[in-house]
Amino acid sequence: MSYKLFKKQKEGYKSRLMATKSLFLVIIVCFISCINNNHDADAYGVFEATEIIVSSENNGKLLSFHVSEGQTYQKGEEIGCIDTFQLHLQIQQLESTIRATLASRPDIPSQLNTLQSKLQTLEKERARITTLVEANAATTKQLDDVNAEIEITRSQIAATKSTLNTQSSAILENVEAMRFQLLQLEDAMEKCKIKAPITGTVLKKYIEPNELAFQGKPLFKIADITNMFIKVYVTEDMLSSIKLGQKAEIHIDMEDMQSKSYTGTVQWISAKAEFTPKMIQTKNERVNMVYAVKIAFSNDGSAKIGMPGDVIFK
């Protein structure tokens, strides 16, 4: 091998070595930069939202169910209905029973009318006999007999009125009990209407129309992804500098490698320490006991449930 060829190979080797060193240096710088960026954060966690699993409150066939995963619904919006035919028949039957029971109430004035007429006749007879006694045309025994008959008639009126009032009160109490049963049936009818409990987005759908729904069976899961929070864990030495209502800056890493930030507010601080969750990295890995903190923020749609993020407390 000539000296020139050897020198040329040596120079090529040096060039490749320099290129390798430069690439390695770039990787080291990027790695250090990432570490420094991570150290800027005070805590790490995942994004969460208020999730509600809506279950059936009645039994029956699911006649309609206008629910789509990813669709947003307003609070109180009716999105489905369970068959209510049997409940409707029960309500009609109970209403008929109430009307029939009310019709059986005694007519107190008409039933007392006969005794009242008899009493009026006896009082007129007493007045006539009193006049005759004063004129010595009748005996006092006749007057005593009329007075005794009047007292008996008055007792009969009082007893009859009391009996009729008791019967009427019992009937009204029965009607009142049936009205409560009617309210229960109407409430069951209302619970057959499936409504969104909060304004939110459907995450999961568990049932399809025409399937049988029974009490307690999950129908769908809905979450408020507009007002979300991130749950992070902080060490005891950081806890003294965090308070409720404190502002915090929340960061998430987007797919395009650009960081997106939100301004949040400390909403909840755990009252007791717990062991560091395995999926959470803390600022000081040697500390085993940490405190959970929730920071609430308004989401513009970029943050997703379960996405990791980091927090800087202000």
Protein backbone atom coordinates (compact mmCIF):
# COMPACT_ATOMS: atom_id res chain seq x y z
CA MET A 1 0.00 0.00 0.00
CA SER A 2 1.39 3.39 -0.97
CA TYR A 3 1.88 6.19 1.47
CA LYS A 4 -0.65 8.43 -0.33
CA LEU A 5 -3.38 5.78 -0.17
CA PHE A 6 -2.74 5.20 3.52
CA LYS A 7 -2.89 8.94 4.20
CA LYS A 8 -6.15 9.25 2.27
CA GLN A 9 -7.79 6.40 4.27
CA LYS A 10 -6.59 7.94 7.52
CA GLU A 11 -8.13 11.30 6.66
CA GLY A 12 -11.46 9.58 5.77
CA TYR A 13 -11.45 7.76 9.08
CA LYS A 14 -10.86 11.03 10.94
CA SER A 15 -13.75 12.69 9.03
CA ARG A 16 -16.16 9.85 9.93
CA LEU A 17 -15.01 9.98 13.54
CA MET A 18 -15.64 13.73 13.74
CA ALA A 19 -19.12 13.29 12.22
CA THR A 20 -19.93 10.57 14.76
CA LYS A 21 -18.72 12.74 17.62
CA SER A 22 -20.84 15.67 16.39
CA LEU A 23 -23.96 13.50 16.16
CA PHE A 24 -23.34 12.08 19.62
CA LEU A 25 -22.88 15.62 20.99
CA VAL A 26 -26.19 16.71 19.49
CA ILE A 27 -27.93 13.72 21.11
CA ILE A 28 -26.36 14.53 24.49
CA VAL A 29 -27.43 18.18 24.24
CA CYS A 30 -30.99 17.20 23.36
CA PHE A 31 -31.08 14.72 26.23
CA ILE A 32 -29.79 17.29 28.72
CA SER A 33 -32.28 19.82 27.39
CA CYS A 34 -35.15 17.38 27.95
CA ILE A 35 -33.95 16.68 31.47
CA ASN A 36 -33.74 20.37 32.23
CA ASN A 37 -37.24 20.92 30.85
CA ASN A 38 -38.60 18.11 33.02
CA HIS A 39 -36.94 19.61 36.07
CA ASP A 40 -38.80 22.86 35.43
CA ALA A 41 -42.05 21.17 36.42
CA ASP A 42 -43.11 20.94 40.07
CA ALA A 43 -45.35 17.88 39.69
CA TYR A 44 -46.58 15.34 37.16
CA GLY A 45 -49.92 13.64 36.67
CA VAL A 46 -52.69 12.71 34.25
CA PHE A 47 -55.75 14.58 33.08
CA GLU A 48 -59.12 13.55 34.49
CA ALA A 49 -62.75 14.64 34.17
CA THR A 50 -66.00 14.15 36.04
CA GLU A 51 -67.31 10.87 34.61
CA ILE A 52 -70.84 9.60 35.26
CA ILE A 53 -72.17 6.16 34.35
CA VAL A 54 -75.91 6.54 33.71
CA SER A 55 -77.90 3.41 34.60
CA SER A 56 -81.49 2.42 33.94
CA GLU A 57 -83.94 3.38 36.69
CA ASN A 58 -86.72 1.09 35.45
CA ASN A 59 -87.32 -2.21 33.71
CA GLY A 60 -88.52 -2.59 30.15
CA LYS A 61 -87.68 -2.58 26.48
CA LEU A 62 -85.53 0.31 25.28
CA LEU A 63 -87.80 1.84 22.65
CA SER A 64 -85.46 4.69 21.65
CA PHE A 65 -81.86 5.57 22.45
CA HIS A 66 -80.36 8.48 20.51
CA VAL A 67 -76.83 8.26 21.91
CA SER A 68 -73.59 8.35 19.95
CA GLU A 69 -70.10 8.07 21.39
CA GLY A 70 -68.25 11.38 21.11
CA GLN A 71 -71.49 13.36 20.88
CA THR A 72 -72.10 16.24 23.31
CA TYR A 73 -75.48 16.56 25.09
CA GLN A 74 -76.95 19.27 27.29
CA LYS A 75 -77.98 18.69 30.89
CA GLY A 76 -81.58 17.43 31.07
CA GLU A 77 -81.75 16.62 27.35
CA GLU A 78 -83.94 13.57 26.69
CA ILE A 79 -81.95 11.01 24.71
CA GLY A 80 -83.92 7.80 25.15
CA CYS A 81 -87.07 6.14 26.49
CA ILE A 82 -88.03 2.80 28.06
CA ASP A 83 -91.42 1.20 27.29
CA THR A 84 -94.14 2.75 29.52
CA PHE A 85 -97.27 0.94 28.27
CA GLN A 86 -97.85 -1.15 31.40
CA LEU A 87 -97.29 1.87 33.65
CA HIS A 88 -99.79 3.85 31.57
CA LEU A 89 -102.42 1.14 32.07
CA GLN A 90 -101.78 1.05 35.82
CA ILE A 91 -102.21 4.82 36.03
CA GLN A 92 -105.53 4.69 34.17
CA GLN A 93 -106.77 1.86 36.40
CA LEU A 94 -105.81 3.73 39.56
CA GLU A 95 -107.48 6.93 38.37
CA SER A 96 -110.71 4.98 37.73
CA THR A 97 -110.52 3.45 41.22
CA ILE A 98 -110.10 6.92 42.75
CA ARG A 99 -113.17 8.23 40.94
CA ALA A 100 -115.24 5.20 42.01
CA THR A 101 -114.12 5.54 45.63
CA LEU A 102 -114.99 9.24 45.73
CA ALA A 103 -118.42 8.46 44.30
CA SER A 104 -119.10 6.10 47.23
CA ARG A 105 -118.78 8.90 49.78
CA PRO A 106 -122.03 9.24 51.85
CA ASP A 107 -124.23 12.25 51.18
CA ILE A 108 -124.44 13.48 54.76
CA PRO A 109 -127.05 16.26 54.29
CA SER A 110 -129.52 14.01 52.43
CA GLN A 111 -129.16 11.14 54.92
CA LEU A 112 -129.77 13.51 57.86
CA ASN A 113 -132.71 15.21 56.16
CA THR A 114 -135.29 12.70 57.48
CA LEU A 115 -134.17 13.05 61.08
CA GLN A 116 -134.02 16.84 60.75
CA SER A 117 -137.63 16.88 59.46
CA LYS A 118 -138.74 14.66 62.34
CA LEU A 119 -137.03 17.00 64.82
CA GLN A 120 -138.78 20.04 63.36
CA THR A 121 -142.15 18.25 63.61
CA LEU A 122 -141.51 17.33 67.26
CA GLU A 123 -140.52 20.90 68.12
CA LYS A 124 -143.76 22.19 66.62
CA GLU A 125 -145.70 19.55 68.56
CA ARG A 126 -143.95 20.62 71.77
CA ALA A 127 -144.95 24.23 71.17
CA ARG A 128 -148.57 23.22 70.60
CA ILE A 129 -148.69 21.02 73.72
CA THR A 130 -147.06 23.74 75.79
CA THR A 131 -149.90 26.10 74.81
CA LEU A 132 -152.48 23.46 75.71
CA VAL A 133 -150.85 22.79 79.08
CA GLU A 134 -150.99 26.50 79.89
CA ALA A 135 -154.70 26.41 79.02
CA ASN A 136 -155.19 23.25 81.14
CA ALA A 137 -156.20 21.39 77.93
CA ALA A 138 -153.28 18.90 78.05
CA THR A 139 -151.31 17.10 80.71
CA THR A 140 -147.66 17.68 81.60
CA LYS A 141 -146.99 14.00 80.80
CA GLN A 142 -147.73 14.69 77.16
CA LEU A 143 -145.20 17.54 77.21
CA ASP A 144 -142.59 15.34 78.91
CA ASP A 145 -143.10 12.65 76.29
CA VAL A 146 -142.54 15.12 73.46
CA ASN A 147 -139.38 16.51 75.12
CA ALA A 148 -138.00 12.99 75.55
CA GLU A 149 -138.72 12.22 71.88
CA ILE A 150 -136.93 15.41 70.84
CA GLU A 151 -133.81 14.47 72.83
CA ILE A 152 -133.78 10.98 71.32
CA THR A 153 -134.06 12.44 67.81
CA ARG A 154 -131.22 14.87 68.47
CA SER A 155 -129.02 12.00 69.73
CA GLN A 156 -129.85 10.03 66.60
CA ILE A 157 -128.85 13.00 64.43
CA ALA A 158 -125.53 13.39 66.27
CA ALA A 159 -124.76 9.66 66.10
CA THR A 160 -125.66 9.44 62.41
CA LYS A 161 -123.60 12.52 61.59
CA SER A 162 -120.59 11.10 63.46
CA THR A 163 -120.88 7.75 61.66
CA LEU A 164 -121.19 9.38 58.24
CA ASN A 165 -118.25 11.72 58.93
CA THR A 166 -116.09 8.72 59.96
CA GLN A 167 -117.03 6.85 56.78
CA SER A 168 -116.31 9.91 54.66
CA SER A 169 -112.92 10.45 56.36
CA ALA A 170 -111.94 6.81 55.82
CA ILE A 171 -112.83 7.06 52.14
CA LEU A 172 -110.80 10.26 51.77
CA GLU A 173 -107.82 8.62 53.48
CA ASN A 174 -108.03 5.69 51.06
CA VAL A 175 -108.18 8.12 48.16
CA GLU A 176 -105.15 9.97 49.53
CA ALA A 177 -103.21 6.68 49.72
CA MET A 178 -104.16 5.93 46.12
CA ARG A 179 -103.01 9.41 45.09
CA PHE A 180 -99.57 8.61 46.54
CA GLN A 181 -99.58 5.39 44.51
CA LEU A 182 -100.46 7.48 41.48
CA LEU A 183 -97.51 9.78 42.17
CA GLN A 184 -95.23 6.74 42.39
CA LEU A 185 -96.44 5.50 39.01
CA GLU A 186 -96.01 8.94 37.48
CA ASP A 187 -92.48 9.09 38.91
CA ALA A 188 -91.77 5.67 37.40
CA MET A 189 -93.08 6.99 34.07
CA GLU A 190 -90.73 9.96 34.32
CA LYS A 191 -87.78 7.68 35.12
CA CYS A 192 -88.43 5.81 31.89
CA LYS A 193 -87.20 8.93 30.13
CA ILE A 194 -83.41 8.76 29.79
CA LYS A 195 -81.82 12.19 30.21
CA ALA A 196 -78.29 13.54 30.27
CA PRO A 197 -77.35 14.22 33.94
CA ILE A 198 -74.72 16.83 33.00
CA THR A 199 -73.62 18.78 29.98
CA GLY A 200 -70.91 16.56 28.59
CA THR A 201 -69.62 14.17 25.96
CA VAL A 202 -70.55 10.48 25.76
CA LEU A 203 -67.45 8.34 26.28
CA LYS A 204 -69.00 4.87 26.11
CA LYS A 205 -72.33 3.37 25.03
CA TYR A 206 -73.35 0.09 26.69
CA ILE A 207 -76.76 -0.71 25.15
CA GLU A 208 -78.61 -0.46 21.84
CA PRO A 209 -82.28 0.31 21.03
CA ASN A 210 -84.78 -2.58 21.41
CA GLU A 211 -82.57 -4.28 24.00
CA LEU A 212 -84.01 -5.05 27.45
CA ALA A 213 -83.07 -2.55 30.12
CA PHE A 214 -83.38 -3.41 33.79
CA GLN A 215 -82.94 -1.35 36.93
CA GLY A 216 -79.26 -0.69 37.59
CA LYS A 217 -78.02 -1.71 34.13
CA PRO A 218 -75.44 0.79 32.75
CA LEU A 219 -76.63 2.63 29.65
CA PHE A 220 -73.80 5.03 28.84
CA LYS A 221 -70.88 6.94 30.33
CA ILE A 222 -70.72 10.73 30.02
CA ALA A 223 -68.02 13.17 31.09
CA ASP A 224 -67.62 16.92 31.31
CA ILE A 225 -64.49 17.43 29.19
CA THR A 226 -64.85 21.21 29.17
CA ASN A 227 -64.08 21.61 32.87
CA MET A 228 -61.28 19.15 33.54
CA PHE A 229 -58.57 18.74 36.16
CA ILE A 230 -55.16 17.19 36.49
CA LYS A 231 -54.31 15.09 39.52
CA VAL A 232 -50.68 15.40 40.58
CA TYR A 233 -48.62 14.27 43.58
CA VAL A 234 -46.31 16.53 45.55
CA THR A 235 -43.81 15.86 48.30
CA GLU A 236 -44.23 17.03 51.87
CA ASP A 237 -41.64 19.78 51.52
CA MET A 238 -43.69 21.31 48.66
CA LEU A 239 -47.02 21.02 50.46
CA SER A 240 -46.47 24.11 52.61
CA SER A 241 -46.20 26.31 49.52
CA ILE A 242 -49.46 25.06 47.97
CA LYS A 243 -52.91 26.28 49.00
CA LEU A 244 -56.49 26.13 47.73
CA GLY A 245 -57.27 28.69 45.04
CA GLN A 246 -53.62 29.01 44.05
CA LYS A 247 -52.89 29.46 40.35
CA ALA A 248 -50.85 26.89 38.43
CA GLU A 249 -49.54 26.50 34.90
CA ILE A 250 -50.40 23.19 33.24
CA HIS A 251 -48.42 21.81 30.31
CA ILE A 252 -49.15 18.99 27.90
CA ASP A 253 -46.99 17.67 25.04
CA MET A 254 -48.80 17.70 21.72
CA GLU A 255 -48.15 15.29 18.86
CA ASP A 256 -46.33 17.98 16.90
CA MET A 257 -43.83 18.19 19.80
CA GLN A 258 -45.06 21.66 20.75
CA SER A 259 -46.08 22.20 24.35
CA LYS A 260 -49.54 23.56 25.14
CA SER A 261 -50.29 25.26 28.43
CA TYR A 262 -53.35 26.11 30.50
CA THR A 263 -53.92 28.22 33.57
CA GLY A 264 -55.52 26.25 36.38
CA THR A 265 -56.57 26.64 40.00
CA VAL A 266 -55.80 24.33 42.91
CA GLN A 267 -59.19 22.81 43.73
CA TRP A 268 -58.40 20.06 46.23
CA ILE A 269 -55.48 18.98 48.42
CA SER A 270 -55.40 15.56 50.07
CA ALA A 271 -55.51 15.64 53.87
CA LYS A 272 -53.29 12.57 54.23
CA ALA A 273 -50.17 11.23 52.60
CA GLU A 274 -50.01 8.11 50.46
CA PHE A 275 -47.32 6.05 48.79
CA THR A 276 -46.09 7.32 45.43
CA PRO A 277 -48.18 5.75 42.63
CA LYS A 278 -46.04 3.65 40.29
CA MET A 279 -47.12 5.55 37.19
CA ILE A 280 -46.27 8.97 38.69
CA GLN A 281 -42.82 10.48 38.83
CA THR A 282 -42.17 12.94 41.62
CA LYS A 283 -39.62 15.70 41.85
CA ASN A 284 -37.70 13.78 44.50
CA GLU A 285 -37.79 10.06 43.74
CA ARG A 286 -36.33 9.17 47.15
CA VAL A 287 -39.51 10.34 48.93
CA ASN A 288 -42.04 7.54 49.24
CA MET A 289 -44.95 9.50 50.76
CA VAL A 290 -46.72 12.14 48.65
CA TYR A 291 -49.92 14.22 48.73
CA ALA A 292 -52.48 14.27 45.93
CA VAL A 293 -53.49 17.66 44.50
CA LYS A 294 -56.17 18.44 41.92
CA ILE A 295 -55.84 21.48 39.66
CA ALA A 296 -58.97 22.45 37.71
CA PHE A 297 -58.85 24.21 34.35
CA SER A 298 -60.99 25.00 31.31
CA ASN A 299 -60.24 22.69 28.41
CA ASP A 300 -60.35 23.82 24.78
CA GLY A 301 -60.47 20.25 23.53
CA SER A 302 -56.71 19.61 23.38
CA ALA A 303 -56.47 17.85 26.74
CA LYS A 304 -57.76 14.27 26.77
CA ILE A 305 -58.67 12.01 29.66
CA GLY A 306 -55.64 9.93 30.69
CA MET A 307 -53.13 12.15 28.89
CA PRO A 308 -49.99 12.92 30.97
CA GLY A 309 -49.09 16.49 31.90
CA ASP A 310 -46.99 18.51 34.28
CA VAL A 311 -47.69 21.46 36.57
CA ILE A 312 -45.79 24.55 37.68
CA PHE A 313 -47.25 26.21 40.77
CA LYS A 314 -47.31 30.00 40.77
